[in-house]
C-alpha atoms as a PDB file:
ATOM      1  CA  MET A   1      29.200   1.139  -7.359  1.00  0.00           C
ATOM      2  CA  SER A   2      26.984  -1.190 -10.001  1.00  0.00           C
ATOM      3  CA  VAL A   3      25.681  -3.510  -7.543  1.00  0.00           C
ATOM      4  CA  ILE A   4      24.453  -0.632  -5.113  1.00  0.00           C
ATOM      5  CA  LEU A   5      22.607   0.991  -8.740  1.00  0.00           C
ATOM      6  CA  LEU A   6      21.665  -2.595  -9.682  1.00  0.00           C
ATOM      7  CA  PHE A   7      19.683  -3.591  -6.023  1.00  0.00           C
ATOM      8  CA  ALA A   8      18.190   0.138  -5.978  1.00  0.00           C
ATOM      9  CA  SER A   9      16.794  -0.854  -8.952  1.00  0.00           C
ATOM     10  CA  CYS A  10      14.938  -3.221  -7.532  1.00  0.00           C
ATOM     11  CA  ALA A  11      13.245  -1.154  -5.567  1.00  0.00           C
ATOM     12  CA  SER A  12      10.147  -0.439  -5.508  1.00  0.00           C
ATOM     13  CA  SER A  13       7.708   2.312  -3.489  1.00  0.00           C
ATOM     14  CA  THR A  14       4.320   3.734  -3.260  1.00  0.00           C
ATOM     15  CA  MET A  15       2.704   6.783  -0.705  1.00  0.00           C
ATOM     16  CA  ILE A  16      -0.147   5.254   1.174  1.00  0.00           C
ATOM     17  CA  ASN A  17      -2.674   7.819   1.676  1.00  0.00           C
ATOM     18  CA  SER A  18      -6.685   7.876   3.559  1.00  0.00           C
ATOM     19  CA  ILE A  19      -9.362  10.155   3.900  1.00  0.00           C
ATOM     20  CA  PRO A  20      -8.925  11.692   6.628  1.00  0.00           C
ATOM     21  CA  SER A  21      -5.430  11.320   6.877  1.00  0.00           C
ATOM     22  CA  GLY A  22      -3.562  10.482  10.484  1.00  0.00           C
ATOM     23  CA  ALA A  23      -4.857   6.788  10.057  1.00  0.00           C
ATOM     24  CA  LYS A  24      -2.777   3.987  12.073  1.00  0.00           C
ATOM     25  CA  VAL A  25      -1.161   1.820   8.910  1.00  0.00           C
ATOM     26  CA  TYR A  26      -0.233  -2.260   9.288  1.00  0.00           C
ATOM     27  CA  ILE A  27       1.764  -4.148   6.432  1.00  0.00           C
ATOM     28  CA  ASN A  28       1.288  -7.409   6.869  1.00  0.00           C
ATOM     29  CA  GLY A  29       0.142  -7.432  10.180  1.00  0.00           C
ATOM     30  CA  GLU A  30       2.447  -5.364  11.653  1.00  0.00           C
ATOM     31  CA  PRO A  31       2.692  -1.470  12.896  1.00  0.00           C
ATOM     32  CA  VAL A  32       4.553   0.521  10.446  1.00  0.00           C
ATOM     33  CA  GLY A  33       3.442   3.973  11.264  1.00  0.00           C
ATOM     34  CA  THR A  34       0.242   6.416   9.917  1.00  0.00           C
ATOM     35  CA  THR A  35      -0.568   8.109   6.739  1.00  0.00           C
ATOM     36  CA  PRO A  36       0.291   9.245   4.595  1.00  0.00           C
ATOM     37  CA  TYR A  37       3.273   6.491   4.442  1.00  0.00           C
ATOM     38  CA  LEU A  38       5.824   5.756   2.295  1.00  0.00           C
ATOM     39  CA  TYR A  39       5.820   1.725   1.552  1.00  0.00           C
ATOM     40  CA  THR A  40       9.257   0.480  -0.005  1.00  0.00           C
ATOM     41  CA  ASP A  41      10.533  -2.878  -0.482  1.00  0.00           C
ATOM     42  CA  THR A  42      12.124  -5.188  -3.228  1.00  0.00           C
ATOM     43  CA  LYS A  43       9.701  -7.925  -3.385  1.00  0.00           C
ATOM     44  CA  ILE A  44       9.719  -9.786  -6.904  1.00  0.00           C
ATOM     45  CA  VAL A  45       7.005  -9.509  -9.441  1.00  0.00           C
ATOM     46  CA  GLY A  46       3.604 -10.617  -7.933  1.00  0.00           C
ATOM     47  CA  SER A  47       4.446 -10.363  -4.648  1.00  0.00           C
ATOM     48  CA  ILE A  48       1.616  -9.085  -2.471  1.00  0.00           C
ATOM     49  CA  VAL A  49       1.276  -6.349   0.441  1.00  0.00           C
ATOM     50  CA  ASN A  50      -1.701  -6.497   2.779  1.00  0.00           C
ATOM     51  CA  VAL A  51      -2.679  -3.317   4.128  1.00  0.00           C
ATOM     52  CA  ASP A  52      -4.619  -2.416   6.811  1.00  0.00           C
ATOM     53  CA  LEU A  53      -5.400   1.180   8.039  1.00  0.00           C
ATOM     54  CA  LYS A  54      -7.216   2.050  10.943  1.00  0.00           C
ATOM     55  CA  LYS A  55      -8.535   5.229  12.686  1.00  0.00           C
ATOM     56  CA  ASP A  56     -10.338   6.149  15.925  1.00  0.00           C
ATOM     57  CA  GLY A  57     -14.024   6.932  14.677  1.00  0.00           C
ATOM     58  CA  TYR A  58     -13.708   4.927  11.732  1.00  0.00           C
ATOM     59  CA  GLU A  59     -14.309   1.303  10.436  1.00  0.00           C
ATOM     60  CA  PRO A  60     -10.538  -0.065   9.487  1.00  0.00           C
ATOM     61  CA  PHE A  61     -10.167  -1.188   6.134  1.00  0.00           C
ATOM     62  CA  TYR A  62      -8.419  -3.895   4.893  1.00  0.00           C
ATOM     63  CA  THR A  63      -6.809  -3.932   1.291  1.00  0.00           C
ATOM     64  CA  THR A  64      -3.886  -5.970  -0.958  1.00  0.00           C
ATOM     65  CA  PHE A  65      -1.716  -4.410  -3.560  1.00  0.00           C
ATOM     66  CA  SER A  66       0.368  -6.256  -5.807  1.00  0.00           C
ATOM     67  CA  ARG A  67       3.601  -5.487  -7.019  1.00  0.00           C
ATOM     68  CA  THR A  68       1.923  -5.832 -10.706  1.00  0.00           C
ATOM     69  CA  GLU A  69       0.834  -2.562 -11.014  1.00  0.00           C
ATOM     70  CA  GLN A  70       3.750  -0.556 -13.591  1.00  0.00           C
ATOM     71  CA  VAL A  71       6.110  -1.842 -15.408  1.00  0.00           C
ATOM     72  CA  ASP A  72      10.177  -1.226 -14.707  1.00  0.00           C
ATOM     73  CA  VAL A  73      11.771  -0.012 -17.844  1.00  0.00           C
ATOM     74  CA  GLY A  74      15.204   0.350 -16.184  1.00  0.00           C
ATOM     75  CA  ALA A  75      14.848  -3.247 -15.365  1.00  0.00           C
ATOM     76  CA  ILE A  76      13.675  -4.538 -18.315  1.00  0.00           C
ATOM     77  CA  VAL A  77      16.721  -3.485 -20.076  1.00  0.00           C
ATOM     78  CA  GLY A  78      18.846  -4.347 -17.054  1.00  0.00           C
ATOM     79  CA  GLY A  79      17.501  -7.842 -17.581  1.00  0.00           C
ATOM     80  CA  VAL A  80      18.790  -8.024 -21.074  1.00  0.00           C
ATOM     81  CA  PHE A  81      22.146  -8.089 -19.750  1.00  0.00           C
ATOM     82  CA  LEU A  82      21.923  -9.546 -16.351  1.00  0.00           C
ATOM     83  CA  LEU A  83      18.852 -11.977 -16.073  1.00  0.00           C
ATOM     84  CA  PHE A  84      17.830 -11.705 -12.993  1.00  0.00           C
ATOM     85  CA  PRO A  85      16.190  -7.991 -12.935  1.00  0.00           C
ATOM     86  CA  PHE A  86      13.229  -9.355 -14.699  1.00  0.00           C
ATOM     87  CA  LEU A  87      12.395 -10.688 -11.158  1.00  0.00           C
ATOM     88  CA  TRP A  88      11.673  -6.723 -10.586  1.00  0.00           C
ATOM     89  CA  THR A  89      10.025  -5.810 -14.120  1.00  0.00           C
ATOM     90  CA  MET A  90       6.741  -4.535 -12.632  1.00  0.00           C
ATOM     91  CA  GLN A  91       6.632  -1.699  -9.383  1.00  0.00           C
ATOM     92  CA  TYR A  92       4.037  -0.712  -7.323  1.00  0.00           C
ATOM     93  CA  LYS A  93       1.777   2.781  -8.534  1.00  0.00           C
ATOM     94  CA  SER A  94       3.119   5.592  -7.078  1.00  0.00           C
ATOM     95  CA  THR A  95       0.050   6.531  -4.508  1.00  0.00           C
ATOM     96  CA  HIS A  96      -2.637   4.321  -2.905  1.00  0.00           C
ATOM     97  CA  THR A  97      -5.439   6.025  -1.364  1.00  0.00           C
ATOM     98  CA  TYR A  98      -7.937   4.625   0.779  1.00  0.00           C
ATOM     99  CA  GLU A  99     -11.458   6.803   1.992  1.00  0.00           C
ATOM    100  CA  LEU A 100     -12.225   5.286   5.761  1.00  0.00           C
ATOM    101  CA  ILE A 101     -15.885   5.308   6.185  1.00  0.00           C
ATOM    102  CA  PRO A 102     -17.238   6.511   9.705  1.00  0.00           C
ATOM    103  CA  LEU A 103     -18.329   4.529  12.013  1.00  0.00           C
ATOM    104  CA  SER A 104     -22.149   5.076  12.911  1.00  0.00           C
ATOM    105  CA  THR A 105     -23.659   6.097  15.861  1.00  0.00           C
ATOM    106  CA  SER A 106     -26.241   3.477  17.521  1.00  0.00           C
ATOM    107  CA  GLN A 107     -29.117   6.455  17.244  1.00  0.00           C
ATOM    108  CA  ASN A 108     -28.664   5.974  13.110  1.00  0.00           C
ATOM    109  CA  TYR A 109     -29.651   2.404  13.783  1.00  0.00           C
ATOM    110  CA  LEU A 110     -32.731   3.197  16.079  1.00  0.00           C
ATOM    111  CA  PRO A 111     -36.239   2.578  14.705  1.00  0.00           C
ATOM    112  CA  ASP A 112     -38.108   6.214  14.662  1.00  0.00           C
ATOM    113  CA  ALA A 113     -40.460   5.756  17.202  1.00  0.00           C
ATOM    114  CA  ILE A 114     -37.481   5.324  19.729  1.00  0.00           C
ATOM    115  CA  LYS A 115     -35.817   8.355  18.911  1.00  0.00           C
ATOM    116  CA  GLN A 116     -38.208  10.397  20.145  1.00  0.00           C
END
């Protein structure tokens, strides 16, 4: 039971949101779902996650986040007794929200003389 509890405390989760919602989410190049999307892993401190958000009518959005955003007090306490949980002393922020930029129509790029 304590082993299960130990490994559960090594996991970190973050909710990936987009404005507007419903964007396709790609983690490290792999499609995983649509926003809002709950991402969870057991990677160690400093691990980087590549996130791509894609939605029809919007520019693709590329970003990363790292497991260095919040301190995990439980892992620090566990590390005092078992040493290796120090690899999981940091977590992701609880949410990451990204605003997608609408694609501009070609009309917006034409000079005023041509639009008339």
